[in-house]
Amino acid sequence: MFSGYHVDKGIDTKAPQTAIEQHIESSEDQMTRSQRIARLFHFRQAVSEALDKRVPPSQQVTSKGIAQSMKDALVATEDKRFYEHGAIDTFGIVRALYTNVVAGQTMEGGSTITQQLVKNLFLSSKRILSRKMEEVLLAFLMEHDYSKDEIITMYLNSIYYGNNYYGIKAAAKGYFDTTPAELTIPQAALLAGLPQAPTYYNPFTNLREAKNRQRIVLGLMAEQGYIPKDSVEKYAHESLHLRKTSEE
């Protein structure tokens, strides 16, 4: 049975850091306590600057410039209760904990899209309690200062899709030679599945597993009512119009 926060068994979901991520992490780790406090009082400015560091403004798109199917695929895959909870999904955390304990391994994660966005923008190598508390606080500020649609748009603009494609605009162009607004449901489903393990699911080098992952996303979309349940196979077999090779 499909569920939100799905983690594929046996797949290393920790993507190798890119130069951009290493730079962001280094800058974040060097911040002083006073700078971190100041960020809380100038949060929107901090978010804007962090997003621009990760993806140039010219490579960002507005909400209207992203196909609804791409947003639906994201929510179905990463956080099916996104529109129902706040910054933290307590129910999701408890469910994930129970599922993982029963399975004896990590089968589900509990981070919301908002929490993931915070981690993407303010990446840090520190795994200490104070840092975790700061991430939660930043996630609450994110939910307070931005609408759900704004959060999804920033997430899609900032996530790494592999092959040095940061953001949905670069990914749509790089993989399909199209725009985020013109993404088809099969293309959106494939892209929504990439961030979990962008190197492993790279469609240029591992199309078979990328398609398997796409089918999982389509199943999640059908289960949550974004597409008809009897359309999964149709979309799974529909041409992706994948580019022959990535641009170096």
Foldseek 3Di string as FASTA:
>chain_A
DADEQFDDPPDDQDEDDDPLLVVLQVVLVPDDPVRLVVCVVVVVVLLVVLLCSQPPPVQADDLLQAAPLLLLLQCLHHPVCLVPDALFDPVQCVVQVVVCVVVVHRGGDGGHLLLVLLCLSRPYPDDDPVVVVSSSVSSNVCRVPDPSSVSSRSSQQAADQDPPQGHPQSVCCFWANDGNRPADNLLSLLSSQCSSYNVCLVCQVCVPVSLVSSLSSLCSSCVSPVDPNVCSVVSSPDDRNTDNDGDD
